[in-house]
Amino acid sequence: MAETGETKSAISIGPRIVASGGFDALYREGMGLIEAVAAYLDDRGRLESRVLSREAGFLYATESMRLTTRLMQLASWLLLQRAVNEGEITRENARAEKEKVRFSATPSERGGPGYDQLPATLRDFIDKGDRLFERVMQLDALEKGDLPDRVPVQANGVADQLARIKAAFARA
């Protein structure tokens, strides 16, 4: 190979990972979360928000809007990816559409004033939404071919671990 001047490009596995069965589980989880959040905000969440202090009520409104925005952006990504996986649109068309949907919902300010006063169910939905967002962002990066930086492999893993243990005890 090297002698003939031939070069081989790396095989992009990102699109294959995104198109795999793992996506189906992510899709079901994402759409299930969207439905659960919508049902909560329309019913129990509305009741729970009425008994909050003024500050916590404002924070509830802010966080529920952020969560809803982020989930709608995720739904758009999931629906586009499903359409690609099912052959309804090309990967290039989906990529162009995905560029229009910027993940702009800012992450929730955890631990800020009044956050602990929010209903536990809403906080749980925010956490689940953030975790789903991270997973989708990782898949999106893989699909685009943005591979994570490789960690250099140590020549001797045992020696490396022993060195870390020695360093940890040396600091104490």
N, C-alpha and C. Protein backbone atom coordinates (compact mmCIF):
# COMPACT_ATOMS: atom_id res chain seq x y z
N MET A 1 0.82 -1.19 0.00
CA MET A 1 0.00 0.00 0.00
C MET A 1 0.85 1.25 0.00
N ALA A 2 1.70 1.39 1.03
CA ALA A 2 2.51 2.59 1.14
C ALA A 2 3.50 2.68 -0.01
N GLU A 3 3.98 1.51 -0.49
CA GLU A 3 4.94 1.51 -1.56
C GLU A 3 4.33 2.02 -2.87
N THR A 4 3.08 1.79 -3.10
CA THR A 4 2.45 2.19 -4.35
C THR A 4 1.88 3.59 -4.31
N GLY A 5 1.96 4.25 -3.15
CA GLY A 5 1.42 5.59 -3.02
C GLY A 5 -0.08 5.60 -2.81
N GLU A 6 -0.65 4.43 -2.61
CA GLU A 6 -2.09 4.29 -2.40
C GLU A 6 -2.45 4.76 -0.99
N THR A 7 -3.52 5.48 -0.87
CA THR A 7 -4.00 5.87 0.47
C THR A 7 -5.43 5.41 0.60
N LYS A 8 -5.74 4.97 1.79
CA LYS A 8 -7.11 4.55 2.07
C LYS A 8 -7.72 5.53 3.05
N SER A 9 -8.92 5.94 2.77
CA SER A 9 -9.59 6.82 3.71
C SER A 9 -10.26 5.96 4.78
N ALA A 10 -10.40 6.54 5.94
CA ALA A 10 -11.04 5.82 7.05
C ALA A 10 -12.51 5.61 6.74
N ILE A 11 -13.01 4.49 7.17
CA ILE A 11 -14.43 4.19 6.99
C ILE A 11 -15.20 4.93 8.06
N SER A 12 -16.18 5.69 7.66
CA SER A 12 -17.00 6.44 8.61
C SER A 12 -18.06 5.52 9.20
N ILE A 13 -17.92 5.22 10.49
CA ILE A 13 -18.89 4.34 11.14
C ILE A 13 -20.02 5.12 11.79
N GLY A 14 -19.86 6.43 11.89
CA GLY A 14 -20.89 7.25 12.53
C GLY A 14 -22.27 7.05 11.97
N PRO A 15 -22.45 7.18 10.65
CA PRO A 15 -23.79 6.98 10.09
C PRO A 15 -24.34 5.59 10.35
N ARG A 16 -23.45 4.59 10.37
CA ARG A 16 -23.92 3.23 10.64
C ARG A 16 -24.39 3.08 12.08
N ILE A 17 -23.68 3.73 12.99
CA ILE A 17 -24.10 3.67 14.40
C ILE A 17 -25.45 4.35 14.56
N VAL A 18 -25.59 5.51 13.94
CA VAL A 18 -26.84 6.26 14.05
C VAL A 18 -27.99 5.49 13.43
N ALA A 19 -27.72 4.73 12.37
CA ALA A 19 -28.77 3.98 11.69
C ALA A 19 -29.04 2.62 12.33
N SER A 20 -28.29 2.28 13.36
CA SER A 20 -28.42 0.94 13.96
C SER A 20 -29.66 0.85 14.85
N GLY A 21 -29.86 -0.35 15.38
CA GLY A 21 -31.00 -0.60 16.27
C GLY A 21 -30.97 0.25 17.52
N GLY A 22 -29.80 0.73 17.92
CA GLY A 22 -29.71 1.59 19.09
C GLY A 22 -30.49 2.88 18.90
N PHE A 23 -30.57 3.32 17.66
CA PHE A 23 -31.34 4.53 17.39
C PHE A 23 -32.81 4.32 17.68
N ASP A 24 -33.32 3.15 17.35
CA ASP A 24 -34.74 2.87 17.59
C ASP A 24 -35.09 3.02 19.07
N ALA A 25 -34.21 2.52 19.93
CA ALA A 25 -34.44 2.65 21.37
C ALA A 25 -34.38 4.11 21.79
N LEU A 26 -33.42 4.85 21.24
CA LEU A 26 -33.30 6.28 21.55
C LEU A 26 -34.54 7.03 21.07
N TYR A 27 -35.02 6.68 19.89
CA TYR A 27 -36.21 7.32 19.34
C TYR A 27 -37.41 7.09 20.24
N ARG A 28 -37.62 5.84 20.64
CA ARG A 28 -38.75 5.52 21.52
C ARG A 28 -38.62 6.24 22.86
N GLU A 29 -37.41 6.26 23.40
CA GLU A 29 -37.19 6.95 24.67
C GLU A 29 -37.47 8.44 24.54
N GLY A 30 -36.96 9.05 23.46
CA GLY A 30 -37.15 10.48 23.25
C GLY A 30 -38.61 10.85 23.08
N MET A 31 -39.31 10.11 22.23
CA MET A 31 -40.72 10.41 22.00
C MET A 31 -41.55 10.12 23.24
N GLY A 32 -41.18 9.09 23.98
CA GLY A 32 -41.87 8.79 25.24
C GLY A 32 -41.69 9.90 26.25
N LEU A 33 -40.47 10.44 26.32
CA LEU A 33 -40.20 11.55 27.24
C LEU A 33 -41.00 12.78 26.84
N ILE A 34 -41.08 13.06 25.57
CA ILE A 34 -41.85 14.21 25.09
C ILE A 34 -43.31 14.07 25.48
N GLU A 35 -43.87 12.90 25.28
CA GLU A 35 -45.27 12.67 25.66
C GLU A 35 -45.48 12.79 27.16
N ALA A 36 -44.55 12.23 27.94
CA ALA A 36 -44.68 12.27 29.39
C ALA A 36 -44.59 13.71 29.91
N VAL A 37 -43.66 14.49 29.35
CA VAL A 37 -43.51 15.89 29.78
C VAL A 37 -44.76 16.68 29.41
N ALA A 38 -45.27 16.49 28.21
CA ALA A 38 -46.48 17.20 27.78
C ALA A 38 -47.65 16.87 28.70
N ALA A 39 -47.82 15.60 29.02
CA ALA A 39 -48.92 15.19 29.91
C ALA A 39 -48.74 15.80 31.30
N TYR A 40 -47.51 15.80 31.79
CA TYR A 40 -47.23 16.37 33.12
C TYR A 40 -47.52 17.87 33.14
N LEU A 41 -47.00 18.59 32.16
CA LEU A 41 -47.18 20.05 32.15
C LEU A 41 -48.64 20.45 31.99
N ASP A 42 -49.42 19.65 31.27
CA ASP A 42 -50.83 19.95 31.07
C ASP A 42 -51.70 19.61 32.27
N ASP A 43 -51.22 18.75 33.14
CA ASP A 43 -52.07 18.27 34.23
C ASP A 43 -51.42 18.53 35.59
N ARG A 44 -50.71 17.55 36.07
CA ARG A 44 -50.17 17.63 37.43
C ARG A 44 -49.19 18.80 37.59
N GLY A 45 -48.39 19.05 36.58
CA GLY A 45 -47.43 20.15 36.65
C GLY A 45 -48.11 21.50 36.81
N ARG A 46 -49.21 21.66 36.12
CA ARG A 46 -49.97 22.91 36.22
C ARG A 46 -50.47 23.11 37.66
N LEU A 47 -50.97 22.03 38.24
CA LEU A 47 -51.45 22.10 39.63
C LEU A 47 -50.31 22.38 40.59
N GLU A 48 -49.19 21.68 40.39
CA GLU A 48 -48.03 21.88 41.28
C GLU A 48 -47.47 23.29 41.17
N SER A 49 -47.53 23.88 39.99
CA SER A 49 -46.96 25.22 39.81
C SER A 49 -47.77 26.29 40.53
N ARG A 50 -49.05 26.04 40.75
CA ARG A 50 -49.92 27.04 41.39
C ARG A 50 -49.60 27.25 42.86
N VAL A 51 -48.99 26.27 43.50
CA VAL A 51 -48.71 26.40 44.93
C VAL A 51 -47.28 26.88 45.20
N LEU A 52 -46.52 27.17 44.15
CA LEU A 52 -45.14 27.62 44.32
C LEU A 52 -45.09 29.09 44.70
N SER A 53 -43.99 29.48 45.35
CA SER A 53 -43.77 30.89 45.65
C SER A 53 -43.64 31.65 44.33
N ARG A 54 -43.68 32.97 44.41
CA ARG A 54 -43.60 33.79 43.21
C ARG A 54 -42.29 33.52 42.46
N GLU A 55 -41.18 33.50 43.20
CA GLU A 55 -39.88 33.26 42.59
C GLU A 55 -39.81 31.86 41.96
N ALA A 56 -40.27 30.87 42.70
CA ALA A 56 -40.25 29.50 42.19
C ALA A 56 -41.22 29.34 41.02
N GLY A 57 -42.33 30.06 41.04
CA GLY A 57 -43.29 30.01 39.94
C GLY A 57 -42.68 30.57 38.66
N PHE A 58 -41.93 31.67 38.80
CA PHE A 58 -41.25 32.25 37.64
C PHE A 58 -40.21 31.26 37.11
N LEU A 59 -39.47 30.65 38.02
CA LEU A 59 -38.46 29.68 37.62
C LEU A 59 -39.11 28.46 36.97
N TYR A 60 -40.26 28.04 37.49
CA TYR A 60 -41.01 26.92 36.90
C TYR A 60 -41.36 27.24 35.45
N ALA A 61 -41.87 28.44 35.22
CA ALA A 61 -42.25 28.84 33.87
C ALA A 61 -41.03 28.86 32.95
N THR A 62 -39.93 29.40 33.45
CA THR A 62 -38.70 29.47 32.66
C THR A 62 -38.18 28.08 32.32
N GLU A 63 -38.09 27.23 33.34
CA GLU A 63 -37.55 25.88 33.14
C GLU A 63 -38.45 25.03 32.26
N SER A 64 -39.75 25.17 32.42
CA SER A 64 -40.66 24.37 31.59
C SER A 64 -40.57 24.82 30.13
N MET A 65 -40.37 26.12 29.88
CA MET A 65 -40.19 26.60 28.50
C MET A 65 -38.89 26.08 27.92
N ARG A 66 -37.81 26.14 28.71
CA ARG A 66 -36.52 25.62 28.24
C ARG A 66 -36.63 24.14 27.91
N LEU A 67 -37.25 23.40 28.81
CA LEU A 67 -37.39 21.96 28.61
C LEU A 67 -38.22 21.66 27.36
N THR A 68 -39.32 22.36 27.21
CA THR A 68 -40.19 22.16 26.05
C THR A 68 -39.46 22.50 24.75
N THR A 69 -38.73 23.60 24.74
CA THR A 69 -37.96 24.00 23.56
C THR A 69 -36.93 22.95 23.20
N ARG A 70 -36.18 22.52 24.21
CA ARG A 70 -35.14 21.52 23.95
C ARG A 70 -35.76 20.22 23.44
N LEU A 71 -36.86 19.79 24.04
CA LEU A 71 -37.49 18.54 23.61
C LEU A 71 -38.03 18.64 22.19
N MET A 72 -38.54 19.80 21.80
CA MET A 72 -39.02 19.96 20.42
C MET A 72 -37.85 19.93 19.44
N GLN A 73 -36.72 20.50 19.82
CA GLN A 73 -35.54 20.43 18.98
C GLN A 73 -35.07 18.98 18.84
N LEU A 74 -35.09 18.25 19.96
CA LEU A 74 -34.71 16.84 19.93
C LEU A 74 -35.68 16.03 19.07
N ALA A 75 -36.97 16.33 19.19
CA ALA A 75 -37.97 15.62 18.38
C ALA A 75 -37.70 15.84 16.90
N SER A 76 -37.35 17.06 16.52
CA SER A 76 -37.05 17.35 15.13
C SER A 76 -35.86 16.51 14.66
N TRP A 77 -34.80 16.46 15.47
CA TRP A 77 -33.62 15.68 15.11
C TRP A 77 -33.99 14.20 14.98
N LEU A 78 -34.73 13.69 15.96
CA LEU A 78 -35.10 12.27 15.95
C LEU A 78 -35.97 11.92 14.73
N LEU A 79 -36.92 12.80 14.41
CA LEU A 79 -37.79 12.54 13.26
C LEU A 79 -37.02 12.58 11.94
N LEU A 80 -36.09 13.53 11.83
CA LEU A 80 -35.27 13.59 10.62
C LEU A 80 -34.40 12.34 10.49
N GLN A 81 -33.81 11.93 11.60
CA GLN A 81 -32.95 10.75 11.56
C GLN A 81 -33.75 9.49 11.24
N ARG A 82 -34.94 9.40 11.78
CA ARG A 82 -35.79 8.24 11.47
C ARG A 82 -36.14 8.23 9.98
N ALA A 83 -36.42 9.41 9.42
CA ALA A 83 -36.72 9.49 7.99
C ALA A 83 -35.53 9.03 7.15
N VAL A 84 -34.31 9.36 7.57
CA VAL A 84 -33.12 8.89 6.87
C VAL A 84 -33.01 7.38 6.99
N ASN A 85 -33.17 6.88 8.21
CA ASN A 85 -33.04 5.44 8.44
C ASN A 85 -34.06 4.64 7.64
N GLU A 86 -35.23 5.21 7.42
CA GLU A 86 -36.28 4.51 6.69
C GLU A 86 -36.24 4.80 5.19
N GLY A 87 -35.25 5.58 4.75
CA GLY A 87 -35.08 5.85 3.33
C GLY A 87 -36.03 6.88 2.77
N GLU A 88 -36.69 7.64 3.62
CA GLU A 88 -37.65 8.65 3.15
C GLU A 88 -36.95 9.89 2.62
N ILE A 89 -35.80 10.23 3.19
CA ILE A 89 -35.01 11.37 2.72
C ILE A 89 -33.55 10.96 2.72
N THR A 90 -32.75 11.71 1.98
CA THR A 90 -31.32 11.41 1.93
C THR A 90 -30.62 11.98 3.15
N ARG A 91 -29.46 11.42 3.43
CA ARG A 91 -28.65 11.92 4.55
C ARG A 91 -28.30 13.40 4.35
N GLU A 92 -28.03 13.78 3.11
CA GLU A 92 -27.67 15.17 2.80
C GLU A 92 -28.84 16.12 3.06
N ASN A 93 -30.05 15.70 2.65
CA ASN A 93 -31.24 16.53 2.91
C ASN A 93 -31.47 16.67 4.41
N ALA A 94 -31.31 15.57 5.12
CA ALA A 94 -31.50 15.61 6.57
C ALA A 94 -30.47 16.52 7.22
N ARG A 95 -29.23 16.44 6.75
CA ARG A 95 -28.18 17.28 7.32
C ARG A 95 -28.51 18.76 7.10
N ALA A 96 -29.02 19.10 5.92
CA ALA A 96 -29.40 20.49 5.65
C ALA A 96 -30.54 20.92 6.57
N GLU A 97 -31.50 20.05 6.79
CA GLU A 97 -32.61 20.37 7.69
C GLU A 97 -32.14 20.48 9.14
N LYS A 98 -31.22 19.59 9.53
CA LYS A 98 -30.70 19.62 10.90
C LYS A 98 -29.95 20.91 11.17
N GLU A 99 -29.30 21.45 10.13
CA GLU A 99 -28.58 22.72 10.31
C GLU A 99 -29.54 23.86 10.62
N LYS A 100 -30.77 23.75 10.16
CA LYS A 100 -31.78 24.78 10.44
C LYS A 100 -32.26 24.71 11.89
N VAL A 101 -32.16 23.53 12.48
CA VAL A 101 -32.62 23.34 13.86
C VAL A 101 -31.39 23.38 14.76
N ARG A 102 -31.10 24.53 15.27
CA ARG A 102 -29.97 24.69 16.17
C ARG A 102 -30.42 24.35 17.58
N PHE A 103 -29.62 23.56 18.25
CA PHE A 103 -29.92 23.24 19.65
C PHE A 103 -29.57 24.46 20.48
N SER A 104 -30.58 25.30 20.69
CA SER A 104 -30.32 26.60 21.32
C SER A 104 -30.80 26.71 22.75
N ALA A 105 -31.61 25.77 23.20
CA ALA A 105 -32.13 25.88 24.56
C ALA A 105 -30.97 25.76 25.54
N THR A 106 -30.81 26.79 26.34
CA THR A 106 -29.69 26.78 27.28
C THR A 106 -29.94 25.77 28.39
N PRO A 107 -28.87 25.12 28.84
CA PRO A 107 -29.05 24.16 29.93
C PRO A 107 -29.59 24.85 31.17
N SER A 108 -30.27 24.09 31.97
CA SER A 108 -30.87 24.62 33.18
C SER A 108 -29.79 25.01 34.18
N GLU A 109 -30.05 26.07 34.89
CA GLU A 109 -29.14 26.52 35.93
C GLU A 109 -29.44 25.73 37.19
N ARG A 110 -28.69 24.72 37.41
CA ARG A 110 -28.92 23.87 38.57
C ARG A 110 -28.43 24.56 39.83
N GLY A 111 -29.19 24.42 40.86
CA GLY A 111 -28.77 24.95 42.15
C GLY A 111 -28.95 26.45 42.30
N GLY A 112 -29.55 27.11 41.33
CA GLY A 112 -29.79 28.53 41.44
C GLY A 112 -30.89 28.81 42.44
N PRO A 113 -31.13 30.07 42.74
CA PRO A 113 -32.18 30.40 43.71
C PRO A 113 -33.53 29.85 43.28
N GLY A 114 -34.14 29.09 44.14
CA GLY A 114 -35.47 28.55 43.89
C GLY A 114 -35.50 27.22 43.17
N TYR A 115 -34.37 26.77 42.63
CA TYR A 115 -34.37 25.52 41.87
C TYR A 115 -34.82 24.35 42.72
N ASP A 116 -34.37 24.32 43.96
CA ASP A 116 -34.75 23.21 44.84
C ASP A 116 -36.23 23.25 45.23
N GLN A 117 -36.90 24.38 44.97
CA GLN A 117 -38.33 24.49 45.26
C GLN A 117 -39.20 23.98 44.11
N LEU A 118 -38.58 23.74 42.96
CA LEU A 118 -39.34 23.21 41.83
C LEU A 118 -39.81 21.80 42.16
N PRO A 119 -40.95 21.41 41.62
CA PRO A 119 -41.44 20.05 41.87
C PRO A 119 -40.39 19.02 41.42
N ALA A 120 -40.26 17.96 42.21
CA ALA A 120 -39.28 16.92 41.91
C ALA A 120 -39.51 16.31 40.53
N THR A 121 -40.76 16.20 40.14
CA THR A 121 -41.06 15.61 38.83
C THR A 121 -40.50 16.47 37.70
N LEU A 122 -40.63 17.78 37.81
CA LEU A 122 -40.09 18.67 36.79
C LEU A 122 -38.57 18.56 36.76
N ARG A 123 -37.93 18.56 37.93
CA ARG A 123 -36.47 18.44 37.98
C ARG A 123 -36.02 17.12 37.36
N ASP A 124 -36.78 16.06 37.60
CA ASP A 124 -36.45 14.76 37.02
C ASP A 124 -36.57 14.81 35.49
N PHE A 125 -37.62 15.45 34.99
CA PHE A 125 -37.78 15.59 33.54
C PHE A 125 -36.65 16.43 32.95
N ILE A 126 -36.23 17.46 33.65
CA ILE A 126 -35.11 18.29 33.17
C ILE A 126 -33.85 17.44 33.07
N ASP A 127 -33.58 16.64 34.10
CA ASP A 127 -32.41 15.75 34.08
C ASP A 127 -32.48 14.77 32.91
N LYS A 128 -33.63 14.16 32.73
CA LYS A 128 -33.80 13.20 31.63
C LYS A 128 -33.63 13.89 30.27
N GLY A 129 -34.17 15.09 30.15
CA GLY A 129 -34.03 15.84 28.91
C GLY A 129 -32.58 16.19 28.63
N ASP A 130 -31.84 16.56 29.67
CA ASP A 130 -30.42 16.87 29.49
C ASP A 130 -29.63 15.64 29.07
N ARG A 131 -29.92 14.50 29.68
CA ARG A 131 -29.22 13.26 29.31
C ARG A 131 -29.55 12.86 27.87
N LEU A 132 -30.80 12.98 27.50
CA LEU A 132 -31.20 12.68 26.12
C LEU A 132 -30.49 13.62 25.15
N PHE A 133 -30.44 14.90 25.51
CA PHE A 133 -29.77 15.90 24.68
C PHE A 133 -28.31 15.51 24.46
N GLU A 134 -27.62 15.12 25.53
CA GLU A 134 -26.21 14.74 25.41
C GLU A 134 -26.04 13.55 24.48
N ARG A 135 -26.90 12.56 24.60
CA ARG A 135 -26.82 11.38 23.75
C ARG A 135 -27.07 11.74 22.28
N VAL A 136 -28.05 12.59 22.04
CA VAL A 136 -28.34 13.00 20.66
C VAL A 136 -27.18 13.81 20.10
N MET A 137 -26.59 14.68 20.91
CA MET A 137 -25.46 15.48 20.45
C MET A 137 -24.27 14.57 20.09
N GLN A 138 -24.05 13.53 20.88
CA GLN A 138 -22.97 12.59 20.57
C GLN A 138 -23.26 11.86 19.26
N LEU A 139 -24.49 11.41 19.08
CA LEU A 139 -24.85 10.73 17.83
C LEU A 139 -24.76 11.68 16.64
N ASP A 140 -25.16 12.92 16.84
CA ASP A 140 -25.10 13.90 15.76
C ASP A 140 -23.65 14.13 15.35
N ALA A 141 -22.77 14.23 16.34
CA ALA A 141 -21.34 14.41 16.04
C ALA A 141 -20.79 13.20 15.30
N LEU A 142 -21.17 12.00 15.73
CA LEU A 142 -20.73 10.78 15.05
C LEU A 142 -21.24 10.74 13.61
N GLU A 143 -22.50 11.12 13.44
CA GLU A 143 -23.11 11.10 12.12
C GLU A 143 -22.41 12.07 11.18
N LYS A 144 -21.94 13.19 11.73
CA LYS A 144 -21.21 14.18 10.93
C LYS A 144 -19.76 13.77 10.70
N GLY A 145 -19.32 12.74 11.42
CA GLY A 145 -17.93 12.30 11.29
C GLY A 145 -17.00 12.94 12.28
N ASP A 146 -17.54 13.68 13.24
CA ASP A 146 -16.73 14.29 14.29
C ASP A 146 -16.44 13.24 15.35
N LEU A 147 -15.29 12.62 15.26
CA LEU A 147 -14.94 11.58 16.21
C LEU A 147 -14.30 12.20 17.44
N PRO A 148 -14.55 11.63 18.61
CA PRO A 148 -13.92 12.15 19.82
C PRO A 148 -12.42 11.95 19.75
N ASP A 149 -11.69 12.82 20.45
CA ASP A 149 -10.24 12.69 20.49
C ASP A 149 -9.86 11.36 21.11
N ARG A 150 -8.88 10.73 20.51
CA ARG A 150 -8.43 9.44 21.04
C ARG A 150 -7.49 9.67 22.20
N VAL A 151 -7.66 8.85 23.21
CA VAL A 151 -6.77 8.89 24.35
C VAL A 151 -5.56 8.03 24.00
N PRO A 152 -4.35 8.58 24.16
CA PRO A 152 -3.18 7.78 23.82
C PRO A 152 -3.11 6.52 24.68
N VAL A 153 -2.75 5.42 24.05
CA VAL A 153 -2.66 4.15 24.76
C VAL A 153 -1.31 4.08 25.46
N GLN A 154 -1.33 3.72 26.72
CA GLN A 154 -0.11 3.57 27.48
C GLN A 154 0.57 2.26 27.08
N ALA A 155 1.89 2.29 27.07
CA ALA A 155 2.63 1.09 26.70
C ALA A 155 2.42 -0.02 27.72
N ASN A 156 2.29 0.35 28.98
CA ASN A 156 2.10 -0.64 30.03
C ASN A 156 1.00 -0.14 30.95
N GLY A 157 -0.19 -0.67 30.79
CA GLY A 157 -1.34 -0.23 31.58
C GLY A 157 -1.17 -0.45 33.06
N VAL A 158 -0.55 -1.56 33.46
CA VAL A 158 -0.35 -1.85 34.88
C VAL A 158 0.60 -0.83 35.49
N ALA A 159 1.69 -0.54 34.79
CA ALA A 159 2.65 0.44 35.29
C ALA A 159 2.00 1.81 35.43
N ASP A 160 1.15 2.15 34.48
CA ASP A 160 0.45 3.43 34.54
C ASP A 160 -0.45 3.50 35.77
N GLN A 161 -1.18 2.43 36.03
CA GLN A 161 -2.06 2.40 37.20
C GLN A 161 -1.26 2.49 38.49
N LEU A 162 -0.14 1.78 38.58
CA LEU A 162 0.71 1.85 39.77
C LEU A 162 1.26 3.26 39.97
N ALA A 163 1.63 3.91 38.87
CA ALA A 163 2.12 5.28 38.96
C ALA A 163 1.03 6.22 39.47
N ARG A 164 -0.20 6.01 39.04
CA ARG A 164 -1.31 6.84 39.53
C ARG A 164 -1.55 6.62 41.01
N ILE A 165 -1.47 5.37 41.45
CA ILE A 165 -1.66 5.07 42.88
C ILE A 165 -0.57 5.74 43.70
N LYS A 166 0.68 5.63 43.25
CA LYS A 166 1.80 6.26 43.96
C LYS A 166 1.60 7.77 44.02
N ALA A 167 1.18 8.36 42.92
CA ALA A 167 0.96 9.81 42.88
C ALA A 167 -0.16 10.22 43.82
N ALA A 168 -1.20 9.42 43.90
CA ALA A 168 -2.33 9.74 44.78
C ALA A 168 -1.90 9.70 46.24
N PHE A 169 -1.11 8.71 46.61
CA PHE A 169 -0.68 8.61 48.01
C PHE A 169 0.42 9.61 48.33
N ALA A 170 1.18 10.03 47.34
CA ALA A 170 2.23 11.02 47.56
C ALA A 170 1.63 12.37 47.91
N ARG A 171 0.44 12.67 47.37
CA ARG A 171 -0.22 13.95 47.66
C ARG A 171 -0.80 13.98 49.06
N ALA A 172 -1.14 12.85 49.61
CA ALA A 172 -1.80 12.77 50.92
C ALA A 172 -0.86 12.99 52.02
